């Protein structure tokens, strides 16, 4: 009977050791899983991005295109470009929206924005939140474009409103492509650019 107890005790010890190993392994797997989940989508995109003005775009007035070097957009994430207009324009209508320029640089410039998003997309548009007459934005939490005047936020990937008073008025999108730099089709606004 003493021998059986001794054998049972060893079995229990072995089983207990296996159980402890399983618990440690489960904790390790859980920690590894948690680390993996927290790293998904972590591309090193900054939480807070201020707009950077780029003052040397290549402008093709005849084609209505504005080109900015790709690395300028990729490195800065949020690029502001002011394009001189052929004629001062107090206001214009684009995509059914009335955009007032009279309060911006004597109505002589078209304010553009180019965004490199966390998912690697490039979005270009007219840099305006017209209800509050703002021409300035920044990116917050690494995922929202925010108006510097009213604080309205839009999803930086889609420009869909998230919160604030001007959710239906994100910067109006312009066609944007890649050809020897980031090309924004500013001619879509109907305004004539100056070279």
Protein backbone atom coordinates (compact mmCIF):
# COMPACT_ATOMS: atom_id res chain seq x y z
CA UNK A 1 0.00 0.00 0.00
CA UNK A 2 2.94 2.33 0.76
CA UNK A 3 4.36 1.71 -2.71
CA UNK A 4 1.09 2.64 -4.39
CA UNK A 5 0.94 5.92 -2.48
CA UNK A 6 4.48 6.70 -3.55
CA UNK A 7 3.62 5.95 -7.21
CA UNK A 8 0.46 8.02 -7.00
CA UNK A 9 2.37 10.89 -5.49
CA UNK A 10 4.89 10.83 -8.37
CA UNK A 11 2.08 10.73 -10.93
CA UNK A 12 0.40 13.69 -9.24
CA UNK A 13 3.69 15.55 -9.26
CA UNK A 14 4.20 14.78 -12.95
CA UNK A 15 0.65 15.80 -13.77
CA UNK A 16 1.02 18.95 -11.71
CA UNK A 17 4.20 19.78 -13.58
CA UNK A 18 2.43 19.32 -16.90
CA UNK A 19 -0.46 21.44 -15.69
CA UNK A 20 1.94 24.22 -14.66
CA UNK A 21 3.66 24.05 -18.04
CA UNK A 22 0.30 24.33 -19.76
CA UNK A 23 -0.65 27.35 -17.66
CA UNK A 24 2.68 29.05 -18.42
CA UNK A 25 2.31 28.23 -22.12
CA UNK A 26 -1.26 29.61 -22.14
CA UNK A 27 -0.12 32.84 -20.49
CA UNK A 28 2.73 33.14 -23.00
CA UNK A 29 0.35 32.58 -25.94
CA UNK A 30 -2.10 35.13 -24.52
CA UNK A 31 0.66 37.73 -24.10
CA UNK A 32 1.97 37.03 -27.60
CA UNK A 33 -1.56 37.35 -28.99
CA UNK A 34 -2.12 40.63 -27.17
CA UNK A 35 1.16 42.00 -28.53
CA UNK A 36 0.21 40.89 -32.05
CA UNK A 37 -3.21 42.55 -31.85
CA UNK A 38 -1.73 45.82 -30.61
CA UNK A 39 0.77 45.82 -33.47
CA UNK A 40 -1.76 45.23 -36.27
CA UNK A 41 -2.13 48.42 -38.27
CA UNK A 42 0.70 50.03 -36.36
CA UNK A 43 2.53 51.49 -39.33
CA UNK A 44 4.36 54.16 -37.43
CA UNK A 45 1.85 56.79 -38.58
CA UNK A 46 2.05 59.73 -36.14
CA UNK A 47 -0.84 60.49 -33.78
CA UNK A 48 -0.65 64.25 -34.38
CA UNK A 49 0.22 65.79 -37.75
CA UNK A 50 0.34 69.50 -38.48
CA UNK A 51 -0.05 70.73 -42.03
CA UNK A 52 3.13 71.71 -43.85
CA UNK A 53 3.05 74.31 -46.62
CA UNK A 54 4.77 73.37 -49.86
CA UNK A 55 5.44 76.49 -51.91
CA UNK A 56 7.13 75.11 -55.01
CA UNK A 57 4.50 72.99 -56.78
CA UNK A 58 4.75 72.41 -60.50
CA UNK A 59 1.64 74.01 -62.00
CA UNK A 60 0.30 73.25 -65.46
CA UNK A 61 -2.21 76.03 -66.01
CA UNK A 62 -3.35 74.65 -69.38
CA UNK A 63 -4.09 71.23 -67.88
CA UNK A 64 -5.27 72.51 -64.49
CA UNK A 65 -2.84 70.19 -62.70
CA UNK A 66 -0.71 70.77 -59.63
CA UNK A 67 2.19 68.40 -58.93
CA UNK A 68 4.02 67.96 -55.63
CA UNK A 69 6.95 65.54 -55.14
CA UNK A 70 5.76 62.21 -53.77
CA UNK A 71 8.34 62.19 -50.95
CA UNK A 72 7.09 65.58 -49.70
CA UNK A 73 3.61 64.13 -49.20
CA UNK A 74 4.80 60.78 -47.81
CA UNK A 75 7.19 62.41 -45.34
CA UNK A 76 4.85 65.16 -44.11
CA UNK A 77 1.47 63.32 -44.34
CA UNK A 78 -0.52 66.60 -44.52
CA UNK A 79 0.60 69.09 -47.16
CA UNK A 80 -0.93 72.50 -47.88
CA UNK A 81 -0.46 74.05 -51.32
CA UNK A 82 -1.64 77.50 -52.39
CA UNK A 83 -2.00 77.88 -56.14
CA UNK A 84 -2.12 81.36 -57.67
CA UNK A 85 -5.30 81.94 -59.68
CA UNK A 86 -5.35 83.65 -63.05
CA UNK A 87 -8.03 86.00 -61.70
CA UNK A 88 -8.94 86.77 -58.10
CA UNK A 89 -12.11 84.86 -57.23
CA UNK A 90 -14.24 85.78 -54.22
CA UNK A 91 -16.24 82.55 -54.43
CA UNK A 92 -16.97 79.58 -56.63
CA UNK A 93 -19.23 76.54 -56.61
CA UNK A 94 -17.75 73.06 -56.68
CA UNK A 95 -19.61 69.78 -56.15
CA UNK A 96 -22.69 71.80 -55.21
CA UNK A 97 -20.84 73.63 -52.46
CA UNK A 98 -20.32 77.38 -52.30
CA UNK A 99 -16.69 78.03 -51.45
CA UNK A 100 -15.82 81.55 -50.38
CA UNK A 101 -12.23 82.63 -50.97
CA UNK A 102 -12.64 86.36 -50.24
CA UNK A 103 -11.24 85.89 -46.72
CA UNK A 104 -8.19 83.94 -47.89
CA UNK A 105 -5.11 85.70 -49.28
CA UNK A 106 -7.09 88.42 -51.13
CA UNK A 107 -8.98 85.72 -53.07
CA UNK A 108 -5.92 85.29 -55.30
CA UNK A 109 -5.13 81.68 -54.36
CA UNK A 110 -6.80 78.29 -54.42
CA UNK A 111 -5.96 76.47 -51.15
CA UNK A 112 -5.32 72.75 -51.69
CA UNK A 113 -4.61 69.88 -49.32
CA UNK A 114 -2.86 66.59 -50.02
CA UNK A 115 -3.05 63.82 -47.44
CA UNK A 116 -1.02 60.62 -47.20
CA UNK A 117 -3.27 58.37 -45.09
CA UNK A 118 -2.27 55.65 -42.62
CA UNK A 119 -3.41 53.01 -45.15
CA UNK A 120 -1.17 54.50 -47.85
CA UNK A 121 -3.82 56.29 -49.89
CA UNK A 122 -3.29 59.79 -51.24
CA UNK A 123 -6.23 62.20 -51.08
CA UNK A 124 -6.28 65.66 -52.61
CA UNK A 125 -8.88 68.37 -52.27
CA UNK A 126 -9.78 72.00 -51.76
CA UNK A 127 -8.50 72.97 -48.31
CA UNK A 128 -11.66 74.47 -46.84
CA UNK A 129 -14.31 73.86 -44.22
CA UNK A 130 -16.66 76.45 -45.66
CA UNK A 131 -19.32 76.78 -42.95
CA UNK A 132 -16.71 78.11 -40.52
CA UNK A 133 -14.46 79.70 -43.22
CA UNK A 134 -11.43 77.68 -42.14
CA UNK A 135 -8.49 76.86 -44.39
CA UNK A 136 -6.44 74.99 -41.80
CA UNK A 137 -6.49 71.40 -40.56
CA UNK A 138 -4.41 68.86 -38.71
CA UNK A 139 -4.57 65.10 -38.19
CA UNK A 140 -5.35 63.84 -34.68
CA UNK A 141 -5.19 60.36 -33.15
CA UNK A 142 -3.53 59.19 -36.37
CA UNK A 143 -6.94 58.76 -38.00
CA UNK A 144 -8.98 61.99 -38.06
CA UNK A 145 -8.65 65.15 -40.13
CA UNK A 146 -9.70 67.98 -37.83
CA UNK A 147 -10.67 71.55 -38.71
CA UNK A 148 -8.55 74.02 -36.74
CA UNK A 149 -11.44 76.48 -36.41
CA UNK A 150 -14.50 74.42 -35.43
CA UNK A 151 -12.90 71.12 -34.36
CA UNK A 152 -15.04 69.00 -36.69
CA UNK A 153 -13.46 65.63 -37.39
CA UNK A 154 -13.56 63.47 -40.49
CA UNK A 155 -12.18 59.97 -41.03
CA UNK A 156 -8.82 60.64 -42.72
CA UNK A 157 -9.24 57.64 -45.06
CA UNK A 158 -12.74 58.50 -46.33
CA UNK A 159 -13.38 62.12 -45.27
CA UNK A 160 -16.69 60.94 -43.79
CA UNK A 161 -17.86 63.06 -40.86
CA UNK A 162 -17.24 61.66 -37.37
CA UNK A 163 -18.23 64.52 -35.07
CA UNK A 164 -18.69 68.28 -34.97
CA UNK A 165 -20.87 70.94 -36.54
CA UNK A 166 -19.48 70.76 -40.09
CA UNK A 167 -19.43 66.97 -40.64
CA UNK A 168 -21.05 67.32 -44.08
CA UNK A 169 -18.36 69.76 -45.25
CA UNK A 170 -14.99 68.00 -45.46
CA UNK A 171 -12.47 69.38 -47.93
CA UNK A 172 -14.06 68.73 -51.36
CA UNK A 173 -12.10 65.95 -53.04
CA UNK A 174 -10.21 66.43 -56.29
CA UNK A 175 -8.93 63.61 -58.49
CA UNK A 176 -5.44 62.73 -57.41
CA UNK A 177 -2.90 60.52 -59.14
CA UNK A 178 0.75 59.67 -59.41
CA UNK A 179 2.86 60.77 -62.39
CA UNK A 180 6.32 62.13 -61.61
CA UNK A 181 4.89 63.18 -58.25
CA UNK A 182 1.45 63.54 -56.68
CA UNK A 183 -0.82 65.20 -59.26
CA UNK A 184 -3.97 67.01 -58.10
CA UNK A 185 -6.55 67.89 -60.77
CA UNK A 186 -7.26 71.44 -59.59
CA UNK A 187 -8.87 72.29 -62.94
CA UNK A 188 -11.93 70.31 -61.78
CA UNK A 189 -12.87 73.37 -59.72
CA UNK A 190 -13.44 75.34 -62.93
CA UNK A 191 -10.91 77.94 -61.83
CA UNK A 192 -8.01 78.93 -64.07
CA UNK A 193 -4.60 78.57 -62.53
CA UNK A 194 -1.62 80.80 -63.09
CA UNK A 195 1.72 79.23 -63.93
